[in-house]
Protein backbone atom coordinates (compact mmCIF):
# COMPACT_ATOMS: atom_id res chain seq x y z
CA MET A 1 99.28 62.28 29.83
CA GLU A 2 96.95 59.31 30.13
CA THR A 3 94.48 59.16 33.02
CA ASP A 4 93.46 55.94 34.73
CA ASN A 5 89.79 55.29 33.89
CA LYS A 6 89.61 52.29 36.18
CA TYR A 7 87.45 52.83 39.23
CA ARG A 8 88.68 50.74 42.15
CA LEU A 9 85.50 49.91 44.06
CA HIS A 10 87.18 48.31 47.05
CA GLN A 11 89.49 51.29 47.46
CA SER A 12 86.72 53.88 47.35
CA LEU A 13 85.67 55.68 50.52
CA GLY A 14 81.98 55.32 49.71
CA TYR A 15 82.23 51.56 49.33
CA GLN A 16 84.17 51.21 52.59
CA MET A 17 81.66 53.36 54.49
CA SER A 18 78.69 51.49 53.00
CA LEU A 19 80.13 48.07 53.72
CA THR A 20 80.97 48.94 57.32
CA SER A 21 77.57 50.54 57.86
CA ARG A 22 75.73 47.52 56.45
CA LEU A 23 77.69 45.14 58.69
CA GLN A 24 76.91 47.25 61.76
CA GLU A 25 73.25 47.57 60.77
CA ARG A 26 72.80 43.86 60.07
CA ARG A 27 74.28 42.91 63.43
CA PHE A 28 71.93 45.27 65.28
CA ASP A 29 68.91 44.48 63.06
CA GLU A 30 69.20 40.78 63.89
CA GLN A 31 69.07 41.56 67.60
CA LEU A 32 66.18 44.03 67.29
CA LYS A 33 64.18 41.61 65.15
CA THR A 34 63.93 39.25 68.16
CA LEU A 35 61.82 41.97 69.82
CA GLY A 36 59.81 42.83 66.71
CA LEU A 37 61.68 46.12 66.27
CA THR A 38 63.57 47.78 63.43
CA ARG A 39 66.30 50.41 63.69
CA ILE A 40 63.70 53.09 62.94
CA THR A 41 61.25 51.89 65.59
CA TRP A 42 64.13 51.57 68.07
CA CYS A 43 65.25 55.14 67.32
CA ILE A 44 61.68 56.42 67.75
CA LEU A 45 61.35 54.63 71.09
CA LEU A 46 64.65 56.25 72.10
CA ALA A 47 63.53 59.71 70.93
CA VAL A 48 60.32 59.55 72.96
CA GLU A 49 61.60 57.77 76.07
CA VAL A 50 65.10 59.22 76.50
CA GLU A 51 64.97 62.53 74.63
CA GLU A 52 61.35 63.18 75.75
CA MET A 53 60.25 64.17 72.26
CA VAL A 54 56.51 64.19 71.61
CA ASN A 55 56.26 66.01 68.27
CA PRO A 56 56.54 63.82 65.14
CA SER A 57 58.57 66.50 63.31
CA ASP A 58 61.11 66.64 66.14
CA ILE A 59 61.26 62.84 66.19
CA ALA A 60 61.86 62.77 62.42
CA ALA A 61 64.72 65.27 62.73
CA PHE A 62 66.25 63.34 65.65
CA VAL A 63 66.10 59.99 63.83
CA GLY A 64 67.26 61.51 60.54
CA ILE A 65 64.31 60.37 58.43
CA ASP A 66 61.67 62.39 56.63
CA ARG A 67 58.25 63.17 58.08
CA THR A 68 56.48 60.66 55.80
CA ALA A 69 58.69 57.79 56.95
CA THR A 70 58.15 58.87 60.56
CA SER A 71 54.36 58.92 60.13
CA ARG A 72 54.45 55.46 58.55
CA ALA A 73 56.59 54.07 61.38
CA LEU A 74 54.39 55.69 64.05
CA ARG A 75 51.28 54.21 62.44
CA GLN A 76 52.86 50.74 62.52
CA MET A 77 54.05 51.25 66.09
CA GLU A 78 50.59 52.38 67.17
CA THR A 79 49.04 49.28 65.57
CA ALA A 80 51.59 47.14 67.44
CA GLY A 81 50.72 48.88 70.72
CA MET A 82 54.11 50.56 71.22
CA VAL A 83 52.95 54.18 71.05
CA LYS A 84 49.79 56.18 71.30
CA ARG A 85 49.18 59.36 69.36
CA GLY A 86 46.91 62.13 70.45
CA ALA A 87 46.07 65.78 69.97
CA GLY A 88 48.37 68.43 71.42
CA LYS A 89 47.33 70.26 74.57
CA ASP A 90 47.33 73.76 73.08
CA ASP A 91 46.41 72.95 69.49
CA GLY A 92 44.13 70.10 68.49
CA ARG A 93 45.79 70.04 65.05
CA THR A 94 49.13 69.04 66.57
CA THR A 95 49.88 65.36 67.05
CA THR A 96 51.75 64.17 70.11
CA VAL A 97 53.40 60.81 70.67
CA ALA A 98 53.73 58.86 73.90
CA LEU A 99 55.03 55.38 74.66
CA THR A 100 52.70 52.75 75.98
CA ASP A 101 53.77 50.25 78.64
CA THR A 102 54.65 47.91 75.77
CA GLY A 103 56.81 50.59 74.13
CA ARG A 104 58.61 51.33 77.40
CA ASP A 105 59.23 47.61 77.93
CA LEU A 106 60.60 47.19 74.41
CA HIS A 107 62.88 50.20 74.91
CA ARG A 108 64.14 48.71 78.18
CA ARG A 109 64.80 45.33 76.55
CA ALA A 110 66.46 46.77 73.41
CA THR A 111 68.81 49.17 75.19
CA PRO A 112 71.29 46.45 76.24
CA MET A 113 71.32 45.21 72.63
CA ALA A 114 72.26 48.70 71.42
CA ARG A 115 74.99 48.96 74.03
CA VAL A 116 76.46 45.54 73.13
CA ASN A 117 76.40 46.39 69.42
CA ALA A 118 78.07 49.76 69.99
CA GLN A 119 80.68 48.17 72.25
CA HIS A 120 81.42 45.48 69.66
CA TRP A 121 82.39 48.11 67.09
CA GLN A 122 84.05 50.54 69.50
CA SER A 123 86.24 47.77 70.93
CA LYS A 124 87.96 47.52 67.57
CA LEU A 125 89.26 51.08 67.92
CA THR A 126 91.09 53.02 70.60
CA ALA A 127 89.24 55.84 72.33
CA GLU A 128 91.23 58.32 70.26
CA GLU A 129 90.41 56.49 67.02
CA THR A 130 86.71 56.44 67.92
CA THR A 131 86.75 60.18 68.60
CA GLU A 132 88.61 60.86 65.35
CA LEU A 133 86.32 58.61 63.30
CA CYS A 134 83.23 60.36 64.69
CA ARG A 135 84.82 63.74 63.93
CA LEU A 136 85.59 62.69 60.36
CA MET A 137 82.11 61.24 59.80
CA ASN A 138 80.58 64.51 61.05
CA LYS A 139 82.88 66.38 58.66
CA LEU A 140 81.76 64.19 55.72
CA ARG A 141 78.08 64.80 56.55
CA SER A 142 78.54 68.55 56.94
CA GLY A 143 76.47 70.45 54.41
CA GLU A 144 74.63 67.36 53.24
CA ASP A 145 70.87 66.80 53.43
CA ALA A 146 70.63 64.43 56.40
CA ALA A 147 66.97 63.43 56.05
CA LEU A 148 66.50 59.91 54.75
CA THR A 149 63.37 57.91 54.03
CA ARG A 150 64.80 54.91 55.88
CA LEU A 151 67.79 54.00 57.96
């Protein structure tokens, strides 16, 4: 029996997921760029402001990037005046992160952009389809190393 050695790129799950992800990312990136943000800086603002995270390791886990990428982003954000880093209360070796007024303002201005982008994609699916797609994506990620160096 002869096997088909032809790989059909456009029919592969990986290609379809990548293409859809890149379209979603590009749409959101273009909006964030108007504020001088990236998806990573937006996610860090969200982690600190909404999730009340102050520890860089917790922020890295929340965003889904490694600690080195988080440190690099925090350094850039500190230079841009979005965050301030300091020593922890109980342990001077621990770094804490807090938003500045500029960071809080950028978070406030970017949140509607995130909502509009999410709504754009969710409007293409029914509520049931959205729930099922999220369930399936979680299933695909199960058991995989989630930490990335960039989003």
